[in-house]
Amino acid sequence: MIRFKIPLGSADKDRADVFVAVNGKSYLIKRGVPTELPESVVEVLENAEAQREYAIEIEESARYKE
């Protein structure tokens, strides 16, 4: 188990609890609260954040090409 905390955001959607499902087991994780999670769940959360950051980069680069 890994202690992990999802930060609170400023937008309403960034304050909602986060749902994660791995291998048929689901988790509803409260933002801003340190929580003990399986390594696989932390990996999913970290991958989701990396993809979100990549999408923002692509969006911004496309915006500046126009």
C-alpha atoms as a PDB file:
ATOM      1  CA  MET A   1       0.000   0.000   0.000  1.00  0.00           C
ATOM      2  CA  ILE A   2       1.134   3.523  -0.805  1.00  0.00           C
ATOM      3  CA  ARG A   3       0.060   6.707   0.965  1.00  0.00           C
ATOM      4  CA  PHE A   4      -1.227   9.040  -1.760  1.00  0.00           C
ATOM      5  CA  LYS A   5      -3.070  12.356  -1.825  1.00  0.00           C
ATOM      6  CA  ILE A   6      -4.946  13.798  -4.785  1.00  0.00           C
ATOM      7  CA  PRO A   7      -4.706  17.586  -4.560  1.00  0.00           C
ATOM      8  CA  LEU A   8      -7.754  19.817  -4.513  1.00  0.00           C
ATOM      9  CA  GLY A   9      -8.216  21.980  -7.582  1.00  0.00           C
ATOM     10  CA  SER A  10      -9.745  25.401  -8.013  1.00  0.00           C
ATOM     11  CA  ALA A  11     -12.517  24.333 -10.418  1.00  0.00           C
ATOM     12  CA  ASP A  12     -15.616  22.485  -9.177  1.00  0.00           C
ATOM     13  CA  LYS A  13     -14.722  19.403 -11.241  1.00  0.00           C
ATOM     14  CA  ASP A  14     -11.315  19.352  -9.533  1.00  0.00           C
ATOM     15  CA  ARG A  15     -12.932  19.112  -6.108  1.00  0.00           C
ATOM     16  CA  ALA A  16     -15.063  16.027  -6.761  1.00  0.00           C
ATOM     17  CA  ASP A  17     -14.052  12.601  -5.499  1.00  0.00           C
ATOM     18  CA  VAL A  18     -12.060  10.520  -7.997  1.00  0.00           C
ATOM     19  CA  PHE A  19     -13.299   7.110  -9.167  1.00  0.00           C
ATOM     20  CA  VAL A  20     -10.716   4.479 -10.131  1.00  0.00           C
ATOM     21  CA  ALA A  21     -11.294   0.829 -11.057  1.00  0.00           C
ATOM     22  CA  VAL A  22      -8.504  -1.729 -11.377  1.00  0.00           C
ATOM     23  CA  ASN A  23      -9.063  -5.434 -12.104  1.00  0.00           C
ATOM     24  CA  GLY A  24     -12.739  -5.304 -11.151  1.00  0.00           C
ATOM     25  CA  LYS A  25     -12.172  -3.493  -7.859  1.00  0.00           C
ATOM     26  CA  SER A  26     -13.361   0.108  -7.596  1.00  0.00           C
ATOM     27  CA  TYR A  27     -12.229   2.983  -5.399  1.00  0.00           C
ATOM     28  CA  LEU A  28     -13.765   6.385  -4.725  1.00  0.00           C
ATOM     29  CA  ILE A  29     -10.943   8.601  -3.502  1.00  0.00           C
ATOM     30  CA  LYS A  30     -11.533  11.860  -1.667  1.00  0.00           C
ATOM     31  CA  ARG A  31      -9.385  14.770  -2.834  1.00  0.00           C
ATOM     32  CA  GLY A  32      -7.119  16.470  -0.318  1.00  0.00           C
ATOM     33  CA  VAL A  33      -7.077  13.490   2.063  1.00  0.00           C
ATOM     34  CA  PRO A  34      -3.982  11.253   2.317  1.00  0.00           C
ATOM     35  CA  THR A  35      -5.166   7.693   1.609  1.00  0.00           C
ATOM     36  CA  GLU A  36      -3.520   4.260   1.624  1.00  0.00           C
ATOM     37  CA  LEU A  37      -3.951   2.815  -1.873  1.00  0.00           C
ATOM     38  CA  PRO A  38      -2.662  -0.237  -3.718  1.00  0.00           C
ATOM     39  CA  GLU A  39       0.301   0.436  -5.992  1.00  0.00           C
ATOM     40  CA  SER A  40      -1.828  -0.363  -9.064  1.00  0.00           C
ATOM     41  CA  VAL A  41      -4.319   2.399  -8.187  1.00  0.00           C
ATOM     42  CA  VAL A  42      -1.531   4.937  -7.667  1.00  0.00           C
ATOM     43  CA  GLU A  43      -0.099   3.923 -11.039  1.00  0.00           C
ATOM     44  CA  VAL A  44      -3.476   4.553 -12.717  1.00  0.00           C
ATOM     45  CA  LEU A  45      -3.744   7.978 -11.061  1.00  0.00           C
ATOM     46  CA  GLU A  46      -0.184   8.938 -12.058  1.00  0.00           C
ATOM     47  CA  ASN A  47      -0.742   7.770 -15.645  1.00  0.00           C
ATOM     48  CA  ALA A  48      -3.981   9.760 -15.849  1.00  0.00           C
ATOM     49  CA  GLU A  49      -2.164  12.900 -14.686  1.00  0.00           C
ATOM     50  CA  ALA A  50       0.638  12.362 -17.202  1.00  0.00           C
ATOM     51  CA  GLN A  51      -1.922  11.982 -20.006  1.00  0.00           C
ATOM     52  CA  ARG A  52      -3.757  15.112 -18.880  1.00  0.00           C
ATOM     53  CA  GLU A  53      -0.518  17.117 -18.953  1.00  0.00           C
ATOM     54  CA  TYR A  54       0.361  15.727 -22.397  1.00  0.00           C
ATOM     55  CA  ALA A  55      -3.092  16.645 -23.741  1.00  0.00           C
ATOM     56  CA  ILE A  56      -2.650  20.213 -22.478  1.00  0.00           C
ATOM     57  CA  GLU A  57       0.756  20.439 -24.214  1.00  0.00           C
ATOM     58  CA  ILE A  58      -0.710  19.201 -27.516  1.00  0.00           C
ATOM     59  CA  GLU A  59      -3.657  21.579 -27.204  1.00  0.00           C
ATOM     60  CA  GLU A  60      -1.364  24.546 -26.565  1.00  0.00           C
ATOM     61  CA  SER A  61       1.014  23.683 -29.406  1.00  0.00           C
ATOM     62  CA  ALA A  62      -1.923  23.372 -31.826  1.00  0.00           C
ATOM     63  CA  ARG A  63      -3.254  26.732 -30.675  1.00  0.00           C
ATOM     64  CA  TYR A  64       0.053  28.492 -31.414  1.00  0.00           C
ATOM     65  CA  LYS A  65       0.399  26.944 -34.891  1.00  0.00           C
ATOM     66  CA  GLU A  66      -2.779  28.607 -36.148  1.00  0.00           C
END
